[in-house]
N, C-alpha and C. Protein backbone atom coordinates (compact mmCIF):
# COMPACT_ATOMS: atom_id res chain seq x y z
N MET A 1 -1.84 -26.02 -90.66
CA MET A 1 -3.63 -26.25 -90.79
C MET A 1 -4.11 -25.35 -91.81
N SER A 2 -4.94 -25.54 -92.40
CA SER A 2 -5.82 -24.75 -93.25
C SER A 2 -6.78 -23.80 -92.75
N LEU A 3 -7.46 -22.79 -93.36
CA LEU A 3 -8.24 -21.84 -92.79
C LEU A 3 -9.34 -22.37 -92.49
N ASN A 4 -9.84 -23.27 -93.17
CA ASN A 4 -11.00 -24.14 -93.32
C ASN A 4 -10.95 -25.02 -91.85
N GLN A 5 -10.23 -25.81 -91.67
CA GLN A 5 -10.07 -26.45 -90.14
C GLN A 5 -9.85 -25.52 -88.99
N GLN A 6 -9.02 -24.46 -89.23
CA GLN A 6 -9.52 -23.34 -87.94
C GLN A 6 -10.39 -23.07 -87.90
N HIS A 7 -11.53 -22.64 -89.03
CA HIS A 7 -12.86 -22.11 -88.64
C HIS A 7 -13.52 -23.29 -87.80
N ARG A 8 -13.23 -24.37 -88.43
CA ARG A 8 -14.06 -25.41 -87.51
C ARG A 8 -14.09 -25.58 -86.29
N THR A 9 -12.25 -25.40 -86.01
CA THR A 9 -11.77 -25.86 -84.55
C THR A 9 -12.63 -24.30 -83.86
N MET A 10 -12.27 -23.50 -84.32
CA MET A 10 -13.07 -22.10 -83.62
C MET A 10 -14.47 -22.16 -83.41
N VAL A 11 -15.28 -23.16 -84.30
CA VAL A 11 -16.62 -23.13 -84.02
C VAL A 11 -17.02 -24.16 -83.13
N ARG A 12 -16.33 -24.84 -83.18
CA ARG A 12 -16.32 -26.00 -81.91
C ARG A 12 -15.93 -25.55 -80.44
N MET A 13 -14.81 -25.06 -80.52
CA MET A 13 -14.56 -24.34 -79.34
C MET A 13 -15.36 -23.14 -78.89
N LEU A 14 -16.10 -22.41 -79.74
CA LEU A 14 -17.02 -21.24 -79.56
C LEU A 14 -18.52 -22.11 -79.20
N GLY A 15 -18.84 -23.33 -79.51
CA GLY A 15 -19.86 -24.26 -79.48
C GLY A 15 -19.84 -24.74 -77.70
N VAL A 16 -18.62 -25.25 -77.66
CA VAL A 16 -18.20 -25.85 -76.12
C VAL A 16 -18.48 -24.55 -74.96
N ALA A 17 -17.75 -23.60 -75.28
CA ALA A 17 -18.20 -22.33 -74.55
C ALA A 17 -19.51 -21.99 -74.42
N LEU A 18 -20.09 -22.03 -75.49
CA LEU A 18 -21.54 -21.52 -75.22
C LEU A 18 -22.33 -22.58 -74.35
N VAL A 19 -22.45 -23.90 -74.76
CA VAL A 19 -22.99 -25.18 -73.95
C VAL A 19 -22.53 -24.86 -72.38
N ALA A 20 -21.03 -24.52 -72.04
CA ALA A 20 -20.85 -24.52 -70.86
C ALA A 20 -21.34 -23.58 -70.10
N SER A 21 -21.36 -22.07 -70.68
CA SER A 21 -22.17 -20.98 -70.05
C SER A 21 -23.50 -21.47 -69.82
N VAL A 22 -24.27 -22.01 -70.74
CA VAL A 22 -25.44 -22.21 -70.49
C VAL A 22 -25.56 -23.28 -69.20
N ALA A 23 -24.83 -23.88 -69.27
CA ALA A 23 -25.02 -25.20 -68.09
C ALA A 23 -24.67 -24.59 -67.09
N PHE A 24 -23.61 -23.78 -66.93
CA PHE A 24 -23.21 -22.88 -65.63
C PHE A 24 -24.48 -22.05 -64.86
N SER A 25 -24.88 -21.11 -66.13
CA SER A 25 -25.97 -20.22 -65.65
C SER A 25 -27.25 -20.90 -65.25
N GLY A 26 -27.00 -22.18 -65.48
CA GLY A 26 -28.40 -22.83 -64.90
C GLY A 26 -28.04 -23.34 -63.43
N CYS A 27 -26.74 -23.80 -63.50
CA CYS A 27 -26.40 -24.16 -61.86
C CYS A 27 -26.69 -22.90 -61.32
N ALA A 28 -26.30 -21.74 -61.63
CA ALA A 28 -26.56 -20.47 -60.48
C ALA A 28 -28.01 -20.29 -60.24
N THR A 29 -28.74 -20.58 -61.34
CA THR A 29 -30.24 -20.40 -60.76
C THR A 29 -30.89 -21.38 -60.00
N TYR A 30 -29.98 -22.66 -60.04
CA TYR A 30 -30.61 -23.81 -59.08
C TYR A 30 -29.89 -23.40 -58.01
N LYS A 31 -28.48 -22.73 -57.39
CA LYS A 31 -28.03 -22.15 -56.36
C LYS A 31 -28.98 -21.22 -56.03
N ASP A 32 -29.61 -20.52 -56.23
CA ASP A 32 -30.36 -19.26 -55.79
C ASP A 32 -31.71 -20.08 -55.65
N ASP A 33 -32.02 -20.90 -56.44
CA ASP A 33 -33.50 -21.67 -55.62
C ASP A 33 -33.45 -22.23 -54.34
N PHE A 34 -32.23 -22.80 -54.52
CA PHE A 34 -31.67 -23.85 -52.92
C PHE A 34 -31.65 -22.70 -52.05
N ALA A 35 -31.25 -21.52 -52.16
CA ALA A 35 -30.51 -20.81 -51.38
C ALA A 35 -32.09 -20.16 -50.68
N ARG A 36 -32.69 -19.99 -51.59
CA ARG A 36 -34.30 -19.56 -51.04
C ARG A 36 -35.04 -20.48 -50.17
N ILE A 37 -34.90 -21.82 -50.88
CA ILE A 37 -35.85 -22.67 -50.27
C ILE A 37 -35.05 -23.18 -49.02
N ASP A 38 -33.65 -23.13 -48.81
CA ASP A 38 -32.85 -23.09 -47.39
C ASP A 38 -33.07 -21.83 -46.35
N SER A 39 -33.50 -21.02 -46.78
CA SER A 39 -33.85 -19.62 -45.97
C SER A 39 -35.31 -19.98 -45.39
N ARG A 40 -36.20 -20.13 -46.51
CA ARG A 40 -37.55 -20.36 -46.07
C ARG A 40 -37.24 -21.75 -44.90
N LEU A 41 -36.74 -23.08 -45.00
CA LEU A 41 -36.96 -24.07 -44.61
C LEU A 41 -36.22 -23.58 -42.88
N ASP A 42 -35.36 -22.81 -42.69
CA ASP A 42 -34.22 -22.36 -41.60
C ASP A 42 -35.72 -21.29 -40.71
N SER A 43 -36.13 -20.41 -41.91
CA SER A 43 -37.43 -19.80 -40.89
C SER A 43 -38.69 -20.50 -40.33
N ILE A 44 -39.15 -21.40 -41.48
CA ILE A 44 -40.08 -22.47 -40.95
C ILE A 44 -39.67 -23.08 -39.51
N ASP A 45 -38.10 -23.64 -39.52
CA ASP A 45 -37.82 -24.21 -38.31
C ASP A 45 -37.80 -23.34 -37.02
N SER A 46 -37.42 -22.06 -36.97
CA SER A 46 -37.18 -21.32 -36.18
C SER A 46 -38.86 -21.08 -35.64
N ARG A 47 -39.72 -20.83 -36.45
CA ARG A 47 -40.81 -20.67 -35.84
C ARG A 47 -41.41 -22.08 -35.33
N VAL A 48 -41.23 -23.00 -35.62
CA VAL A 48 -41.81 -24.51 -35.12
C VAL A 48 -41.15 -24.76 -33.76
N GLN A 49 -39.64 -24.11 -33.79
CA GLN A 49 -39.09 -24.31 -32.50
C GLN A 49 -39.83 -23.48 -31.33
N GLY A 50 -40.09 -22.12 -31.74
CA GLY A 50 -40.64 -21.17 -30.95
C GLY A 50 -41.97 -21.78 -30.31
N ALA A 51 -43.11 -22.28 -31.36
CA ALA A 51 -43.72 -23.06 -30.77
C ALA A 51 -43.83 -24.17 -29.93
N ALA A 52 -42.99 -24.73 -30.17
CA ALA A 52 -42.75 -26.19 -29.31
C ALA A 52 -42.23 -25.53 -27.94
N GLN A 53 -41.50 -24.29 -27.77
CA GLN A 53 -41.29 -23.74 -26.50
C GLN A 53 -42.33 -22.92 -25.90
N SER A 54 -43.36 -22.70 -26.79
CA SER A 54 -44.60 -22.23 -26.11
C SER A 54 -45.64 -23.25 -25.71
N ALA A 55 -45.36 -24.43 -26.48
CA ALA A 55 -46.48 -25.47 -26.00
C ALA A 55 -45.74 -26.13 -24.77
N GLU A 56 -44.38 -26.30 -24.72
CA GLU A 56 -44.07 -26.68 -23.55
C GLU A 56 -44.31 -26.07 -22.30
N SER A 57 -44.02 -24.68 -22.44
CA SER A 57 -44.49 -23.66 -21.50
C SER A 57 -45.75 -24.06 -21.02
N ALA A 58 -47.08 -23.89 -21.88
CA ALA A 58 -48.52 -24.48 -21.54
C ALA A 58 -48.61 -25.70 -20.84
N ASN A 59 -47.80 -26.47 -21.15
CA ASN A 59 -48.01 -27.48 -20.68
C ASN A 59 -47.76 -27.62 -19.34
N GLN A 60 -46.40 -26.89 -19.05
CA GLN A 60 -45.74 -26.87 -17.48
C GLN A 60 -47.02 -26.19 -16.79
N SER A 61 -47.82 -25.22 -17.26
CA SER A 61 -48.52 -24.11 -16.52
C SER A 61 -49.59 -25.01 -16.18
N ALA A 62 -50.21 -25.70 -17.20
CA ALA A 62 -51.43 -26.58 -16.93
C ALA A 62 -51.07 -28.07 -15.59
N GLN A 63 -49.98 -28.54 -15.99
CA GLN A 63 -49.46 -29.50 -14.68
C GLN A 63 -49.50 -28.76 -13.55
N GLN A 64 -49.02 -27.25 -13.38
CA GLN A 64 -49.12 -26.73 -12.03
C GLN A 64 -50.43 -26.39 -11.74
N ALA A 65 -50.89 -25.72 -12.58
CA ALA A 65 -52.71 -25.70 -12.55
C ALA A 65 -53.59 -26.89 -11.67
N ASN A 66 -52.89 -28.12 -12.23
CA ASN A 66 -53.82 -29.39 -12.15
C ASN A 66 -53.37 -29.68 -10.78
N ARG A 67 -51.98 -29.46 -10.33
CA ARG A 67 -51.30 -29.82 -9.02
C ARG A 67 -52.34 -28.96 -7.79
N ARG A 68 -52.22 -27.70 -8.39
CA ARG A 68 -53.10 -26.67 -7.54
C ARG A 68 -54.59 -27.38 -7.22
N LEU A 69 -55.17 -27.69 -8.32
CA LEU A 69 -56.44 -27.90 -8.19
C LEU A 69 -57.10 -29.34 -7.47
N ASP A 70 -55.74 -30.42 -7.43
CA ASP A 70 -55.78 -31.45 -6.55
C ASP A 70 -55.61 -31.11 -5.33
N ALA A 71 -54.76 -30.09 -4.95
CA ALA A 71 -54.75 -30.11 -3.41
C ALA A 71 -55.93 -28.97 -2.90
N LEU A 72 -56.36 -28.55 -3.80
CA LEU A 72 -57.57 -27.71 -3.15
C LEU A 72 -59.05 -28.86 -3.31
N GLU A 73 -58.84 -29.63 -3.90
CA GLU A 73 -60.12 -30.84 -3.95
C GLU A 73 -60.11 -31.56 -2.58
N GLY A 74 -58.94 -31.75 -2.02
CA GLY A 74 -58.86 -32.42 -0.72
C GLY A 74 -59.63 -31.74 0.31
N ARG A 75 -59.23 -30.39 0.20
CA ARG A 75 -59.76 -29.63 1.37
C ARG A 75 -61.27 -29.21 1.26
N VAL A 76 -61.55 -29.42 0.01
CA VAL A 76 -62.88 -28.97 -0.29
C VAL A 76 -63.59 -30.24 0.32
N GLN A 77 -63.45 -31.27 -0.25
CA GLN A 77 -63.57 -32.70 0.22
C GLN A 77 -64.05 -32.44 2.11
N GLN A 78 -62.86 -31.97 2.66
CA GLN A 78 -62.90 -32.12 4.00
C GLN A 78 -63.66 -30.96 4.60
N ILE A 79 -64.02 -29.99 4.12
CA ILE A 79 -64.81 -29.08 4.50
C ILE A 79 -66.25 -29.76 4.27
N GLU A 80 -66.63 -30.19 3.24
CA GLU A 80 -68.04 -30.38 2.88
C GLU A 80 -68.30 -31.90 3.88
N SER A 81 -67.69 -32.58 3.99
CA SER A 81 -67.36 -34.02 5.11
C SER A 81 -67.60 -33.54 6.46
N ALA A 82 -67.28 -32.38 6.75
CA ALA A 82 -67.49 -31.96 8.20
C ALA A 82 -68.70 -31.98 8.77
N PRO A 83 -68.85 -32.04 9.73
CA PRO A 83 -70.02 -31.84 10.56
C PRO A 83 -70.49 -30.13 10.64
N ARG A 84 -71.86 -30.41 10.29
CA ARG A 84 -72.51 -28.58 10.52
C ARG A 84 -72.59 -27.82 11.36
N ARG A 85 -71.51 -26.52 11.45
CA ARG A 85 -71.70 -25.99 12.66
C ARG A 85 -72.79 -25.17 13.17
N VAL A 86 -73.29 -25.39 13.95
CA VAL A 86 -74.61 -24.65 14.67
C VAL A 86 -73.92 -23.46 15.02
N PRO A 87 -75.17 -22.30 14.33
CA PRO A 87 -74.40 -20.79 14.68
C PRO A 87 -74.83 -20.46 16.06
N ARG A 88 -74.18 -19.49 16.67
CA ARG A 88 -74.36 -19.28 17.60
C ARG A 88 -75.37 -17.93 17.69
N GLY A 89 -76.37 -17.79 18.89
CA GLY A 89 -77.33 -17.12 19.00
C GLY A 89 -78.64 -17.18 19.16
């Protein structure tokens, strides 16, 4: 192999190595970007789960309050419909 061919081969190998290093460095930034996005999505998912639990708790409290109001409504109607008592004295 002549010196000229060795230079060409060396230049080709360096070119391939350079292209490969640029390609792999691009992948590393994509990995970092995806890791950041995944982290943000996990954080958002956690907050959504917390909000869903709070909403469920509020819903249960509201249902319990409605049941208590329904029970009181019957008693109020019973008292209002009862004949008036005449005061003593």
